[in-house]
């Protein structure tokens, strides 16, 4: 039986996002987690853009045909995460509450945007918004 593929789409040029996505683990019984760089062209990025989701404002978790965006993505990821290791237990505790994830995610996104501005990174701008190239 083939395990279900779960896609996590994020900006690989963000050091904080990259470290988080490389460390987070999901339960093997749920499926296999594949991380996707949002800066690369892919079918899932086309799907995200078609849904009007601004990848610069939130990561996306795709499970089956469902896309989870931003706080919903980090909440869903926490629910399917492995509880092995200190980081994964803390991640589960922190984001298992939809309310807490909804409160914390904008704070984390603001920190991410500040970090990328300091590093001089450009936005992905998958929605092609005029003048939306810099953080």
N, C-alpha and C. Protein backbone atom coordinates (compact mmCIF):
# COMPACT_ATOMS: atom_id res chain seq x y z
N UNK A 1 0.83 -1.18 0.00
CA UNK A 1 0.00 0.00 0.00
C UNK A 1 0.88 1.25 0.00
N UNK A 2 0.61 2.18 -0.90
CA UNK A 2 1.39 3.40 -1.02
C UNK A 2 0.96 4.40 0.04
N UNK A 3 1.95 5.00 0.71
CA UNK A 3 1.64 5.99 1.73
C UNK A 3 1.22 7.30 1.07
N UNK A 4 0.32 7.99 1.72
CA UNK A 4 -0.22 9.26 1.23
C UNK A 4 0.88 10.32 1.22
N UNK A 5 0.98 11.06 0.12
CA UNK A 5 1.96 12.13 0.03
C UNK A 5 1.35 13.41 0.59
N UNK A 6 2.10 14.05 1.47
CA UNK A 6 1.69 15.31 2.07
C UNK A 6 2.75 16.34 1.69
N UNK A 7 2.31 17.47 1.13
CA UNK A 7 3.23 18.48 0.65
C UNK A 7 3.24 19.68 1.59
N UNK A 8 4.42 20.16 1.91
CA UNK A 8 4.59 21.38 2.70
C UNK A 8 5.34 22.37 1.83
N UNK A 9 4.67 23.46 1.47
CA UNK A 9 5.22 24.45 0.55
C UNK A 9 5.58 25.70 1.34
N UNK A 10 6.84 26.12 1.22
CA UNK A 10 7.32 27.28 1.98
C UNK A 10 8.48 27.92 1.23
N UNK A 11 8.91 29.11 1.72
CA UNK A 11 10.02 29.85 1.12
C UNK A 11 11.33 29.33 1.68
N UNK A 12 12.05 28.57 0.88
CA UNK A 12 13.31 27.96 1.32
C UNK A 12 14.40 29.01 1.59
N UNK A 13 14.26 30.22 1.06
CA UNK A 13 15.26 31.26 1.30
C UNK A 13 15.11 31.90 2.68
N UNK A 14 14.05 31.58 3.37
CA UNK A 14 13.88 32.07 4.75
C UNK A 14 14.56 31.08 5.68
N UNK A 15 15.63 31.49 6.37
CA UNK A 15 16.34 30.55 7.24
C UNK A 15 15.45 29.97 8.34
N UNK A 16 14.58 30.77 8.93
CA UNK A 16 13.70 30.27 9.99
C UNK A 16 12.72 29.24 9.44
N UNK A 17 12.10 29.54 8.30
CA UNK A 17 11.15 28.60 7.68
C UNK A 17 11.86 27.31 7.28
N UNK A 18 13.04 27.45 6.70
CA UNK A 18 13.78 26.29 6.23
C UNK A 18 14.15 25.38 7.39
N UNK A 19 14.63 25.96 8.48
CA UNK A 19 14.98 25.14 9.65
C UNK A 19 13.75 24.46 10.22
N UNK A 20 12.65 25.19 10.35
CA UNK A 20 11.42 24.60 10.87
C UNK A 20 10.97 23.42 10.01
N UNK A 21 10.93 23.62 8.70
CA UNK A 21 10.42 22.59 7.79
C UNK A 21 11.32 21.38 7.71
N UNK A 22 12.62 21.57 7.93
CA UNK A 22 13.53 20.43 7.90
C UNK A 22 13.50 19.62 9.19
N UNK A 23 13.06 20.24 10.29
CA UNK A 23 13.06 19.56 11.59
C UNK A 23 11.72 18.90 11.90
N UNK A 24 10.62 19.50 11.44
CA UNK A 24 9.30 18.96 11.77
C UNK A 24 9.12 17.58 11.15
N UNK A 25 8.53 16.68 11.92
CA UNK A 25 8.29 15.30 11.46
C UNK A 25 6.81 14.99 11.63
N UNK A 26 6.29 14.17 10.74
CA UNK A 26 4.90 13.74 10.87
C UNK A 26 4.87 12.26 11.20
N UNK A 27 3.75 11.83 11.75
CA UNK A 27 3.57 10.41 12.04
C UNK A 27 3.64 9.61 10.75
N UNK A 28 4.39 8.54 10.74
CA UNK A 28 4.52 7.72 9.54
C UNK A 28 3.19 7.15 9.08
N UNK A 29 2.29 6.94 10.02
CA UNK A 29 0.99 6.37 9.67
C UNK A 29 0.14 7.35 8.85
N UNK A 30 0.44 8.63 8.93
CA UNK A 30 -0.33 9.65 8.21
C UNK A 30 0.09 9.71 6.74
N UNK A 31 1.37 9.59 6.51
CA UNK A 31 1.88 9.67 5.14
C UNK A 31 3.33 10.10 5.11
N UNK A 32 3.75 10.50 3.92
CA UNK A 32 5.12 10.92 3.72
C UNK A 32 5.16 12.41 3.43
N UNK A 33 5.93 13.16 4.23
CA UNK A 33 6.02 14.61 4.08
C UNK A 33 7.08 14.95 3.04
N UNK A 34 6.68 15.74 2.05
CA UNK A 34 7.60 16.25 1.04
C UNK A 34 7.60 17.76 1.15
N UNK A 35 8.79 18.34 1.30
CA UNK A 35 8.88 19.78 1.38
C UNK A 35 9.19 20.35 0.00
N UNK A 36 8.50 21.43 -0.33
CA UNK A 36 8.59 22.05 -1.65
C UNK A 36 9.02 23.51 -1.48
N UNK A 37 10.02 23.91 -2.23
CA UNK A 37 10.45 25.30 -2.24
C UNK A 37 9.46 26.11 -3.08
N UNK A 38 8.81 27.08 -2.47
CA UNK A 38 7.81 27.89 -3.17
C UNK A 38 8.43 28.75 -4.27
N UNK A 39 9.73 28.92 -4.26
CA UNK A 39 10.40 29.71 -5.31
C UNK A 39 10.60 28.90 -6.60
N UNK A 40 10.40 27.60 -6.53
CA UNK A 40 10.52 26.75 -7.72
C UNK A 40 9.14 26.59 -8.37
N UNK A 41 9.12 26.52 -9.67
CA UNK A 41 7.86 26.26 -10.37
C UNK A 41 7.42 24.82 -10.10
N UNK A 42 6.14 24.68 -9.82
CA UNK A 42 5.61 23.34 -9.57
C UNK A 42 4.09 23.36 -9.75
N UNK A 43 3.54 22.18 -9.91
CA UNK A 43 2.09 22.06 -10.05
C UNK A 43 1.38 22.55 -8.80
N UNK A 44 1.94 22.26 -7.63
CA UNK A 44 1.29 22.69 -6.39
C UNK A 44 1.34 24.21 -6.25
N UNK A 45 2.42 24.85 -6.70
CA UNK A 45 2.46 26.33 -6.67
C UNK A 45 1.43 26.92 -7.61
N UNK A 46 1.22 26.28 -8.77
CA UNK A 46 0.16 26.73 -9.68
C UNK A 46 -1.20 26.63 -9.01
N UNK A 47 -1.42 25.55 -8.27
CA UNK A 47 -2.68 25.34 -7.56
C UNK A 47 -2.86 26.39 -6.45
N UNK A 48 -1.80 26.67 -5.72
CA UNK A 48 -1.84 27.68 -4.65
C UNK A 48 -2.17 29.05 -5.23
N UNK A 49 -1.52 29.41 -6.31
CA UNK A 49 -1.76 30.69 -6.96
C UNK A 49 -3.19 30.77 -7.49
N UNK A 50 -3.67 29.69 -8.11
CA UNK A 50 -5.04 29.67 -8.64
C UNK A 50 -6.07 29.86 -7.53
N UNK A 51 -5.73 29.44 -6.30
CA UNK A 51 -6.63 29.60 -5.15
C UNK A 51 -6.51 31.00 -4.54
N UNK A 52 -5.59 31.82 -5.07
CA UNK A 52 -5.43 33.19 -4.57
C UNK A 52 -4.67 33.29 -3.26
N UNK A 53 -3.89 32.27 -2.95
CA UNK A 53 -3.12 32.27 -1.70
C UNK A 53 -1.76 32.92 -1.94
N UNK A 54 -1.45 33.95 -1.15
CA UNK A 54 -0.18 34.66 -1.24
C UNK A 54 0.86 33.89 -0.43
N UNK A 55 1.74 33.20 -1.11
CA UNK A 55 2.73 32.35 -0.44
C UNK A 55 3.71 33.17 0.40
N UNK A 56 3.82 34.47 0.11
CA UNK A 56 4.67 35.33 0.93
C UNK A 56 4.05 35.60 2.31
N UNK A 57 2.78 35.31 2.45
CA UNK A 57 2.08 35.57 3.71
C UNK A 57 1.73 34.30 4.48
N UNK A 58 2.09 33.14 3.93
CA UNK A 58 1.81 31.92 4.67
C UNK A 58 2.25 30.67 3.95
N UNK A 59 2.72 29.69 4.72
CA UNK A 59 3.07 28.40 4.15
C UNK A 59 1.78 27.65 3.81
N UNK A 60 1.91 26.62 3.00
CA UNK A 60 0.75 25.82 2.60
C UNK A 60 1.07 24.35 2.84
N UNK A 61 0.11 23.66 3.45
CA UNK A 61 0.19 22.22 3.64
C UNK A 61 -0.90 21.61 2.78
N UNK A 62 -0.52 20.70 1.89
CA UNK A 62 -1.50 20.03 1.03
C UNK A 62 -1.59 18.57 1.46
N UNK A 63 -2.81 18.19 1.86
CA UNK A 63 -3.08 16.80 2.22
C UNK A 63 -4.25 16.35 1.37
N UNK A 64 -4.00 15.41 0.48
CA UNK A 64 -5.03 14.99 -0.45
C UNK A 64 -5.37 16.16 -1.37
N UNK A 65 -6.63 16.51 -1.44
CA UNK A 65 -7.06 17.63 -2.28
C UNK A 65 -7.25 18.92 -1.48
N UNK A 66 -6.89 18.89 -0.20
CA UNK A 66 -7.13 20.05 0.66
C UNK A 66 -5.86 20.85 0.86
N UNK A 67 -5.98 22.17 0.71
CA UNK A 67 -4.88 23.10 0.98
C UNK A 67 -5.14 23.81 2.30
N UNK A 68 -4.17 23.75 3.20
CA UNK A 68 -4.23 24.48 4.46
C UNK A 68 -3.22 25.62 4.36
N UNK A 69 -3.64 26.82 4.72
CA UNK A 69 -2.84 28.02 4.50
C UNK A 69 -2.55 28.75 5.81
N UNK A 70 -1.31 29.20 5.97
CA UNK A 70 -0.95 30.02 7.11
C UNK A 70 -1.15 29.31 8.43
N UNK A 71 -1.93 29.95 9.33
CA UNK A 71 -2.17 29.40 10.66
C UNK A 71 -2.84 28.03 10.59
N UNK A 72 -3.72 27.85 9.61
CA UNK A 72 -4.38 26.54 9.45
C UNK A 72 -3.37 25.46 9.07
N UNK A 73 -2.36 25.84 8.29
CA UNK A 73 -1.32 24.88 7.88
C UNK A 73 -0.47 24.46 9.07
N UNK A 74 -0.06 25.42 9.87
CA UNK A 74 0.80 25.07 11.01
C UNK A 74 0.02 24.30 12.07
N UNK A 75 -1.27 24.60 12.20
CA UNK A 75 -2.15 23.86 13.12
C UNK A 75 -2.32 22.41 12.64
N UNK A 76 -2.64 22.24 11.36
CA UNK A 76 -2.81 20.88 10.81
C UNK A 76 -1.51 20.09 10.90
N UNK A 77 -0.40 20.76 10.63
CA UNK A 77 0.90 20.10 10.72
C UNK A 77 1.18 19.63 12.14
N UNK A 78 0.81 20.44 13.12
CA UNK A 78 1.01 20.04 14.52
C UNK A 78 0.18 18.81 14.86
N UNK A 79 -1.05 18.75 14.33
CA UNK A 79 -1.93 17.63 14.65
C UNK A 79 -1.43 16.31 14.06
N UNK A 80 -0.74 16.37 12.92
CA UNK A 80 -0.24 15.13 12.31
C UNK A 80 1.22 14.87 12.64
N UNK A 81 1.81 15.75 13.45
CA UNK A 81 3.23 15.63 13.72
C UNK A 81 3.54 14.47 14.65
N UNK A 82 4.76 14.02 14.53
CA UNK A 82 5.30 13.01 15.43
C UNK A 82 5.54 13.67 16.78
N UNK A 83 5.47 12.91 17.83
CA UNK A 83 5.76 13.47 19.16
C UNK A 83 7.17 13.08 19.60
N UNK A 84 7.99 12.61 18.65
CA UNK A 84 9.35 12.21 19.01
C UNK A 84 10.27 13.43 18.98
N UNK A 85 11.07 13.55 19.98
CA UNK A 85 12.01 14.65 20.07
C UNK A 85 11.39 15.88 20.73
N UNK A 86 12.24 16.67 21.33
CA UNK A 86 11.81 17.86 22.06
C UNK A 86 11.12 18.85 21.11
N UNK A 87 11.71 19.11 19.96
CA UNK A 87 11.13 20.08 19.04
C UNK A 87 9.72 19.69 18.62
N UNK A 88 9.53 18.45 18.23
CA UNK A 88 8.22 18.02 17.74
C UNK A 88 7.16 17.99 18.86
N UNK A 89 7.57 17.65 20.07
CA UNK A 89 6.63 17.73 21.20
C UNK A 89 6.25 19.17 21.48
N UNK A 90 7.22 20.08 21.44
CA UNK A 90 6.95 21.50 21.67
C UNK A 90 6.07 22.06 20.54
N UNK A 91 6.37 21.70 19.30
CA UNK A 91 5.58 22.14 18.16
C UNK A 91 4.13 21.70 18.30
N UNK A 92 3.93 20.47 18.71
CA UNK A 92 2.58 19.96 18.91
C UNK A 92 1.87 20.75 20.01
N UNK A 93 2.54 20.92 21.14
CA UNK A 93 1.94 21.64 22.26
C UNK A 93 1.58 23.08 21.85
N UNK A 94 2.47 23.74 21.13
CA UNK A 94 2.30 25.15 20.78
C UNK A 94 1.17 25.36 19.77
N UNK A 95 1.07 24.50 18.77
CA UNK A 95 0.14 24.75 17.66
C UNK A 95 -1.05 23.79 17.60
N UNK A 96 -1.21 22.90 18.58
CA UNK A 96 -2.36 22.00 18.54
C UNK A 96 -3.67 22.75 18.74
N UNK A 97 -3.61 23.89 19.38
CA UNK A 97 -4.79 24.75 19.55
C UNK A 97 -4.93 25.65 18.34
N UNK A 98 -6.07 25.57 17.67
CA UNK A 98 -6.33 26.41 16.50
C UNK A 98 -6.30 27.89 16.89
N UNK A 99 -6.81 28.21 18.07
CA UNK A 99 -6.81 29.59 18.55
C UNK A 99 -5.39 30.10 18.76
N UNK A 100 -4.56 29.27 19.41
CA UNK A 100 -3.18 29.67 19.66
C UNK A 100 -2.41 29.79 18.35
N UNK A 101 -2.62 28.86 17.43
CA UNK A 101 -1.95 28.95 16.12
C UNK A 101 -2.38 30.22 15.40
N UNK A 102 -3.67 30.55 15.46
CA UNK A 102 -4.18 31.76 14.82
C UNK A 102 -3.62 33.03 15.41
N UNK A 103 -3.33 33.01 16.70
CA UNK A 103 -2.75 34.16 17.37
C UNK A 103 -1.25 34.28 17.08
N UNK A 104 -0.53 33.17 17.15
CA UNK A 104 0.93 33.18 17.02
C UNK A 104 1.42 33.30 15.58
N UNK A 105 0.68 32.74 14.64
CA UNK A 105 1.18 32.71 13.26
C UNK A 105 1.46 34.11 12.70
N UNK A 106 0.57 35.09 12.88
CA UNK A 106 0.89 36.44 12.36
C UNK A 106 2.14 37.04 13.00
N UNK A 107 2.38 36.73 14.27
CA UNK A 107 3.58 37.23 14.94
C UNK A 107 4.82 36.60 14.30
N UNK A 108 4.77 35.29 14.10
CA UNK A 108 5.89 34.59 13.46
C UNK A 108 6.11 35.07 12.04
N UNK A 109 5.01 35.32 11.30
CA UNK A 109 5.12 35.82 9.93
C UNK A 109 5.75 37.20 9.91
N UNK A 110 5.40 38.06 10.85
CA UNK A 110 5.99 39.41 10.93
C UNK A 110 7.49 39.31 11.19
N UNK A 111 7.89 38.41 12.08
CA UNK A 111 9.32 38.19 12.35
C UNK A 111 10.03 37.68 11.10
N UNK A 112 9.38 36.76 10.40
CA UNK A 112 9.94 36.22 9.16
C UNK A 112 10.12 37.33 8.13
N UNK A 113 9.11 38.17 7.96
CA UNK A 113 9.19 39.25 6.98
C UNK A 113 10.30 40.24 7.33
N UNK A 114 10.47 40.53 8.62
CA UNK A 114 11.55 41.41 9.06
C UNK A 114 12.91 40.77 8.77
N UNK A 115 13.04 39.49 9.07
CA UNK A 115 14.29 38.78 8.80
C UNK A 115 14.63 38.82 7.31
N UNK A 116 13.64 38.55 6.45
CA UNK A 116 13.90 38.57 5.01
C UNK A 116 14.23 39.97 4.51
N UNK A 117 13.64 40.98 5.12
CA UNK A 117 13.97 42.37 4.75
C UNK A 117 15.42 42.68 5.11
N UNK A 118 15.83 42.28 6.32
CA UNK A 118 17.21 42.49 6.76
C UNK A 118 18.19 41.75 5.85
N UNK A 119 17.82 40.56 5.42
CA UNK A 119 18.68 39.76 4.54
C UNK A 119 18.64 40.22 3.08
N UNK A 120 17.76 41.16 2.75
CA UNK A 120 17.66 41.70 1.39
C UNK A 120 17.02 40.74 0.40
N UNK A 121 16.17 39.87 0.88
CA UNK A 121 15.50 38.90 0.00
C UNK A 121 14.32 39.55 -0.71
N UNK A 122 13.97 39.02 -1.86
CA UNK A 122 12.80 39.49 -2.58
C UNK A 122 11.61 38.60 -2.25
N UNK A 123 10.42 39.15 -2.46
CA UNK A 123 9.20 38.36 -2.29
C UNK A 123 9.08 37.38 -3.45
N UNK A 124 8.34 36.32 -3.23
CA UNK A 124 8.04 35.37 -4.31
C UNK A 124 7.01 35.99 -5.24
N UNK A 125 6.03 36.68 -4.67
CA UNK A 125 4.99 37.40 -5.40
C UNK A 125 4.28 36.50 -6.42
N UNK A 126 3.83 35.35 -5.96
CA UNK A 126 3.16 34.40 -6.85
C UNK A 126 1.85 34.93 -7.41
N UNK A 127 1.28 35.96 -6.78
CA UNK A 127 0.03 36.53 -7.28
C UNK A 127 0.27 37.68 -8.25
N UNK A 128 1.54 37.97 -8.54
CA UNK A 128 1.93 39.04 -9.47
C UNK A 128 1.30 40.39 -9.11
N UNK A 129 1.37 40.75 -7.84
CA UNK A 129 0.86 42.04 -7.38
C UNK A 129 1.88 43.11 -7.73
N UNK A 130 1.48 44.15 -8.49
CA UNK A 130 2.43 45.21 -8.87
C UNK A 130 3.07 45.87 -7.64
N UNK A 131 4.37 46.08 -7.70
CA UNK A 131 5.09 46.74 -6.62
C UNK A 131 5.28 45.90 -5.37
N UNK A 132 5.07 44.61 -5.48
CA UNK A 132 5.16 43.72 -4.32
C UNK A 132 6.37 42.79 -4.44
N UNK A 133 7.53 43.40 -4.66
CA UNK A 133 8.72 42.56 -4.85
C UNK A 133 9.66 42.57 -3.67
N UNK A 134 9.59 43.59 -2.80
CA UNK A 134 10.51 43.69 -1.65
C UNK A 134 9.76 43.55 -0.34
N UNK A 135 10.45 43.05 0.66
CA UNK A 135 9.88 42.97 2.00
C UNK A 135 10.01 44.30 2.69
